[in-house]
Amino acid sequence: MRRVGFLLKVKPEKKAEYIQHHKNVWPDMLQALRESGWHNYSIFIREDGLLFGYFETEESLAAAQAQMAVRAVNTRWQEFMAPYFESTNQARPDEMFLELTEIFHLD
């Protein structure tokens, strides 16, 4: 199982609303993530809106993203979430992940 960590930045003024949406993620989005091989998925947020995401998958971040990219619910979710993120381009939020390199793991 591959462990994936990534960073993303929420606009500080949108942080509370973003958090609220993640208390009620759409059931079909949760199902799509599970079916696409996203396991043990967590998102953490810092006071300034910096997000750290973590999940486990069989292959890679790119492969997990590709499996989600073909799902209509993911397209709707990404469009819904797009206004919450700081970005200098028009990429979908799930295309803006800054993947981190794992340097230590204690099993």
N, C-alpha and C. Protein backbone atom coordinates (compact mmCIF):
# COMPACT_ATOMS: atom_id res chain seq x y z
N MET A 1 0.85 -1.19 0.00
CA MET A 1 0.00 0.00 0.00
C MET A 1 0.89 1.24 0.00
N ARG A 2 0.62 2.16 -0.87
CA ARG A 2 1.38 3.41 -0.98
C ARG A 2 0.73 4.48 -0.11
N ARG A 3 1.53 5.16 0.71
CA ARG A 3 1.04 6.28 1.53
C ARG A 3 1.29 7.57 0.77
N VAL A 4 0.26 8.42 0.68
CA VAL A 4 0.36 9.67 -0.07
C VAL A 4 0.04 10.84 0.86
N GLY A 5 0.92 11.83 0.88
CA GLY A 5 0.68 13.07 1.60
C GLY A 5 0.71 14.22 0.63
N PHE A 6 -0.19 15.19 0.82
CA PHE A 6 -0.22 16.33 -0.08
C PHE A 6 -0.64 17.60 0.65
N LEU A 7 -0.30 18.74 0.04
CA LEU A 7 -0.66 20.05 0.56
C LEU A 7 -1.58 20.76 -0.43
N LEU A 8 -2.42 21.63 0.12
CA LEU A 8 -3.33 22.46 -0.66
C LEU A 8 -3.70 23.63 0.23
N LYS A 9 -4.10 24.76 -0.34
CA LYS A 9 -4.37 25.94 0.48
C LYS A 9 -5.80 26.44 0.28
N VAL A 10 -6.55 26.50 1.37
CA VAL A 10 -7.91 27.05 1.39
C VAL A 10 -7.80 28.54 1.68
N LYS A 11 -8.64 29.33 1.01
CA LYS A 11 -8.69 30.76 1.30
C LYS A 11 -9.08 30.94 2.77
N PRO A 12 -8.33 31.73 3.53
CA PRO A 12 -8.62 31.87 4.97
C PRO A 12 -10.06 32.28 5.26
N GLU A 13 -10.63 33.15 4.44
CA GLU A 13 -12.01 33.60 4.68
C GLU A 13 -13.05 32.53 4.37
N LYS A 14 -12.64 31.43 3.72
CA LYS A 14 -13.55 30.34 3.36
C LYS A 14 -13.35 29.10 4.24
N LYS A 15 -12.42 29.18 5.18
CA LYS A 15 -12.03 28.01 5.97
C LYS A 15 -13.20 27.39 6.73
N ALA A 16 -13.97 28.19 7.46
CA ALA A 16 -15.07 27.64 8.27
C ALA A 16 -16.11 26.94 7.39
N GLU A 17 -16.42 27.54 6.28
CA GLU A 17 -17.40 26.94 5.36
C GLU A 17 -16.85 25.64 4.76
N TYR A 18 -15.57 25.64 4.41
CA TYR A 18 -14.94 24.44 3.86
C TYR A 18 -15.00 23.30 4.88
N ILE A 19 -14.69 23.61 6.11
CA ILE A 19 -14.74 22.59 7.18
C ILE A 19 -16.16 22.04 7.31
N GLN A 20 -17.14 22.92 7.28
CA GLN A 20 -18.53 22.50 7.42
C GLN A 20 -18.93 21.53 6.29
N HIS A 21 -18.51 21.81 5.08
CA HIS A 21 -18.84 20.92 3.96
C HIS A 21 -18.23 19.53 4.16
N HIS A 22 -17.09 19.46 4.83
CA HIS A 22 -16.45 18.17 5.03
C HIS A 22 -17.03 17.39 6.20
N LYS A 23 -17.95 17.98 6.91
CA LYS A 23 -18.71 17.24 7.93
C LYS A 23 -19.85 16.47 7.28
N ASN A 24 -20.17 16.83 6.04
CA ASN A 24 -21.28 16.21 5.32
C ASN A 24 -20.91 15.96 3.86
N VAL A 25 -19.83 15.24 3.64
CA VAL A 25 -19.42 14.92 2.27
C VAL A 25 -20.51 14.05 1.65
N TRP A 26 -20.82 14.33 0.40
CA TRP A 26 -21.88 13.60 -0.29
C TRP A 26 -21.61 12.09 -0.25
N PRO A 27 -22.63 11.30 0.08
CA PRO A 27 -22.43 9.84 0.14
C PRO A 27 -21.89 9.24 -1.16
N ASP A 28 -22.35 9.74 -2.32
CA ASP A 28 -21.84 9.19 -3.57
C ASP A 28 -20.38 9.56 -3.83
N MET A 29 -19.93 10.68 -3.26
CA MET A 29 -18.51 11.04 -3.35
C MET A 29 -17.68 10.10 -2.47
N LEU A 30 -18.16 9.83 -1.27
CA LEU A 30 -17.45 8.90 -0.38
C LEU A 30 -17.35 7.52 -1.03
N GLN A 31 -18.42 7.07 -1.65
CA GLN A 31 -18.42 5.77 -2.32
C GLN A 31 -17.43 5.76 -3.48
N ALA A 32 -17.40 6.84 -4.26
CA ALA A 32 -16.47 6.92 -5.38
C ALA A 32 -15.02 6.86 -4.91
N LEU A 33 -14.71 7.56 -3.81
CA LEU A 33 -13.35 7.50 -3.27
C LEU A 33 -12.98 6.08 -2.88
N ARG A 34 -13.88 5.42 -2.17
CA ARG A 34 -13.60 4.04 -1.75
C ARG A 34 -13.41 3.12 -2.96
N GLU A 35 -14.30 3.24 -3.94
CA GLU A 35 -14.22 2.38 -5.13
C GLU A 35 -13.00 2.69 -5.97
N SER A 36 -12.45 3.88 -5.84
CA SER A 36 -11.26 4.28 -6.60
C SER A 36 -9.96 3.99 -5.86
N GLY A 37 -10.06 3.32 -4.71
CA GLY A 37 -8.86 2.89 -4.01
C GLY A 37 -8.27 3.89 -3.04
N TRP A 38 -9.06 4.88 -2.60
CA TRP A 38 -8.59 5.83 -1.59
C TRP A 38 -8.94 5.25 -0.23
N HIS A 39 -7.92 4.88 0.55
CA HIS A 39 -8.14 4.26 1.86
C HIS A 39 -7.50 5.11 2.96
N ASN A 40 -8.08 5.04 4.14
CA ASN A 40 -7.50 5.72 5.31
C ASN A 40 -7.25 7.20 5.01
N TYR A 41 -8.22 7.85 4.37
CA TYR A 41 -8.09 9.23 3.89
C TYR A 41 -8.42 10.21 5.01
N SER A 42 -7.52 11.14 5.25
CA SER A 42 -7.72 12.19 6.25
C SER A 42 -7.27 13.52 5.68
N ILE A 43 -7.93 14.59 6.11
CA ILE A 43 -7.53 15.95 5.77
C ILE A 43 -7.37 16.72 7.07
N PHE A 44 -6.25 17.42 7.20
CA PHE A 44 -5.97 18.25 8.37
C PHE A 44 -5.85 19.69 7.89
N ILE A 45 -6.24 20.65 8.74
CA ILE A 45 -6.17 22.05 8.33
C ILE A 45 -5.48 22.88 9.40
N ARG A 46 -4.64 23.78 8.96
CA ARG A 46 -3.96 24.71 9.85
C ARG A 46 -4.79 25.99 9.93
N GLU A 47 -4.54 26.81 10.91
CA GLU A 47 -5.30 28.04 11.13
C GLU A 47 -5.34 28.95 9.90
N ASP A 48 -4.24 29.00 9.15
CA ASP A 48 -4.17 29.87 7.98
C ASP A 48 -4.77 29.26 6.72
N GLY A 49 -5.35 28.06 6.83
CA GLY A 49 -5.99 27.41 5.69
C GLY A 49 -5.13 26.40 4.96
N LEU A 50 -3.88 26.21 5.38
CA LEU A 50 -3.04 25.20 4.74
C LEU A 50 -3.60 23.82 5.09
N LEU A 51 -3.84 23.01 4.06
CA LEU A 51 -4.34 21.65 4.26
C LEU A 51 -3.21 20.65 4.09
N PHE A 52 -3.25 19.61 4.90
CA PHE A 52 -2.42 18.44 4.70
C PHE A 52 -3.38 17.28 4.51
N GLY A 53 -3.28 16.61 3.39
CA GLY A 53 -4.11 15.43 3.12
C GLY A 53 -3.25 14.19 3.14
N TYR A 54 -3.85 13.09 3.58
CA TYR A 54 -3.15 11.80 3.64
C TYR A 54 -4.13 10.72 3.23
N PHE A 55 -3.67 9.80 2.40
CA PHE A 55 -4.45 8.60 2.12
C PHE A 55 -3.52 7.49 1.68
N GLU A 56 -4.06 6.30 1.64
CA GLU A 56 -3.30 5.14 1.20
C GLU A 56 -3.98 4.59 -0.04
N THR A 57 -3.17 4.11 -0.99
CA THR A 57 -3.69 3.60 -2.25
C THR A 57 -2.75 2.51 -2.77
N GLU A 58 -3.25 1.73 -3.68
CA GLU A 58 -2.46 0.61 -4.21
C GLU A 58 -1.28 1.08 -5.07
N GLU A 59 -1.47 2.12 -5.90
CA GLU A 59 -0.43 2.48 -6.86
C GLU A 59 0.25 3.80 -6.54
N SER A 60 -0.42 4.90 -6.85
CA SER A 60 0.20 6.23 -6.75
C SER A 60 -0.88 7.29 -6.67
N LEU A 61 -0.46 8.51 -6.35
CA LEU A 61 -1.40 9.63 -6.36
C LEU A 61 -1.99 9.78 -7.76
N ALA A 62 -1.16 9.75 -8.78
CA ALA A 62 -1.64 9.94 -10.16
C ALA A 62 -2.67 8.88 -10.55
N ALA A 63 -2.42 7.63 -10.18
CA ALA A 63 -3.36 6.55 -10.51
C ALA A 63 -4.68 6.74 -9.76
N ALA A 64 -4.60 7.11 -8.49
CA ALA A 64 -5.82 7.33 -7.69
C ALA A 64 -6.61 8.51 -8.25
N GLN A 65 -5.92 9.57 -8.65
CA GLN A 65 -6.59 10.73 -9.25
C GLN A 65 -7.24 10.35 -10.58
N ALA A 66 -6.56 9.55 -11.38
CA ALA A 66 -7.11 9.14 -12.67
C ALA A 66 -8.40 8.34 -12.50
N GLN A 67 -8.44 7.49 -11.48
CA GLN A 67 -9.66 6.72 -11.24
C GLN A 67 -10.82 7.62 -10.82
N MET A 68 -10.52 8.67 -10.09
CA MET A 68 -11.57 9.61 -9.69
C MET A 68 -11.98 10.53 -10.83
N ALA A 69 -11.06 10.86 -11.72
CA ALA A 69 -11.32 11.83 -12.79
C ALA A 69 -12.44 11.41 -13.73
N VAL A 70 -12.68 10.13 -13.85
CA VAL A 70 -13.72 9.64 -14.76
C VAL A 70 -15.10 9.58 -14.12
N ARG A 71 -15.20 9.95 -12.86
CA ARG A 71 -16.48 9.86 -12.15
C ARG A 71 -17.19 11.21 -12.15
N ALA A 72 -18.44 11.19 -12.55
CA ALA A 72 -19.23 12.42 -12.63
C ALA A 72 -19.35 13.09 -11.26
N VAL A 73 -19.48 12.32 -10.21
CA VAL A 73 -19.62 12.93 -8.88
C VAL A 73 -18.36 13.70 -8.51
N ASN A 74 -17.21 13.23 -8.93
CA ASN A 74 -15.96 13.94 -8.64
C ASN A 74 -15.91 15.27 -9.39
N THR A 75 -16.36 15.28 -10.62
CA THR A 75 -16.41 16.53 -11.39
C THR A 75 -17.30 17.53 -10.67
N ARG A 76 -18.47 17.09 -10.23
CA ARG A 76 -19.39 17.99 -9.49
C ARG A 76 -18.76 18.48 -8.20
N TRP A 77 -18.09 17.60 -7.45
CA TRP A 77 -17.46 17.97 -6.17
C TRP A 77 -16.34 18.97 -6.39
N GLN A 78 -15.50 18.72 -7.40
CA GLN A 78 -14.38 19.63 -7.67
C GLN A 78 -14.88 21.01 -8.08
N GLU A 79 -15.93 21.06 -8.87
CA GLU A 79 -16.52 22.35 -9.25
C GLU A 79 -17.10 23.07 -8.03
N PHE A 80 -17.74 22.31 -7.15
CA PHE A 80 -18.32 22.85 -5.92
C PHE A 80 -17.23 23.39 -4.99
N MET A 81 -16.11 22.71 -4.89
CA MET A 81 -15.03 23.07 -3.97
C MET A 81 -14.07 24.12 -4.53
N ALA A 82 -14.03 24.28 -5.84
CA ALA A 82 -13.06 25.19 -6.48
C ALA A 82 -13.00 26.59 -5.86
N PRO A 83 -14.13 27.23 -5.53
CA PRO A 83 -14.05 28.59 -4.98
C PRO A 83 -13.36 28.69 -3.61
N TYR A 84 -13.12 27.58 -2.96
CA TYR A 84 -12.54 27.59 -1.62
C TYR A 84 -11.02 27.65 -1.62
N PHE A 85 -10.39 27.41 -2.78
CA PHE A 85 -8.94 27.26 -2.81
C PHE A 85 -8.23 28.46 -3.42
N GLU A 86 -7.04 28.73 -2.85
CA GLU A 86 -6.15 29.72 -3.44
C GLU A 86 -5.47 29.06 -4.63
N SER A 87 -5.46 29.76 -5.75
CA SER A 87 -4.85 29.19 -6.94
C SER A 87 -4.47 30.31 -7.90
N THR A 88 -3.41 30.08 -8.62
CA THR A 88 -3.01 31.04 -9.64
C THR A 88 -3.42 30.56 -11.02
N ASN A 89 -4.09 29.40 -11.10
CA ASN A 89 -4.55 28.88 -12.38
C ASN A 89 -5.99 28.40 -12.26
N GLN A 90 -6.50 27.84 -13.30
CA GLN A 90 -7.89 27.40 -13.32
C GLN A 90 -8.02 25.88 -13.15
N ALA A 91 -7.01 25.24 -12.57
CA ALA A 91 -7.06 23.80 -12.37
C ALA A 91 -8.11 23.44 -11.33
N ARG A 92 -8.61 22.22 -11.45
CA ARG A 92 -9.52 21.70 -10.43
C ARG A 92 -8.73 21.51 -9.14
N PRO A 93 -9.40 21.60 -7.98
CA PRO A 93 -8.67 21.42 -6.72
C PRO A 93 -7.87 20.11 -6.66
N ASP A 94 -8.45 19.01 -7.16
CA ASP A 94 -7.74 17.74 -7.08
C ASP A 94 -6.56 17.66 -8.05
N GLU A 95 -6.40 18.66 -8.90
CA GLU A 95 -5.24 18.73 -9.79
C GLU A 95 -4.16 19.67 -9.23
N MET A 96 -4.44 20.29 -8.09
CA MET A 96 -3.49 21.24 -7.49
C MET A 96 -2.72 20.64 -6.32
N PHE A 97 -2.93 19.35 -6.03
CA PHE A 97 -2.23 18.73 -4.91
C PHE A 97 -0.72 18.87 -5.09
N LEU A 98 -0.04 19.29 -4.06
CA LEU A 98 1.41 19.30 -4.03
C LEU A 98 1.83 18.06 -3.24
N GLU A 99 2.23 17.01 -3.97
CA GLU A 99 2.57 15.75 -3.32
C GLU A 99 3.86 15.88 -2.53
N LEU A 100 3.87 15.33 -1.34
CA LEU A 100 5.05 15.35 -0.47
C LEU A 100 5.81 14.04 -0.59
N THR A 101 7.09 14.08 -0.34
CA THR A 101 7.93 12.88 -0.37
C THR A 101 8.02 12.31 1.04
N GLU A 102 7.67 11.05 1.17
CA GLU A 102 7.76 10.39 2.48
C GLU A 102 9.23 10.12 2.79
N ILE A 103 9.68 10.55 3.97
CA ILE A 103 11.07 10.31 4.35
C ILE A 103 11.21 9.43 5.58
N PHE A 104 10.09 9.17 6.28
CA PHE A 104 10.14 8.32 7.47
C PHE A 104 8.78 7.73 7.70
N HIS A 105 8.75 6.46 8.16
CA HIS A 105 7.51 5.80 8.54
C HIS A 105 7.81 4.81 9.66
N LEU A 106 7.07 4.91 10.74
CA LEU A 106 7.18 3.96 11.84
C LEU A 106 5.97 3.07 11.78
N ASP A 107 6.19 1.78 11.56
CA ASP A 107 5.08 0.84 11.44
C ASP A 107 4.84 0.17 12.78
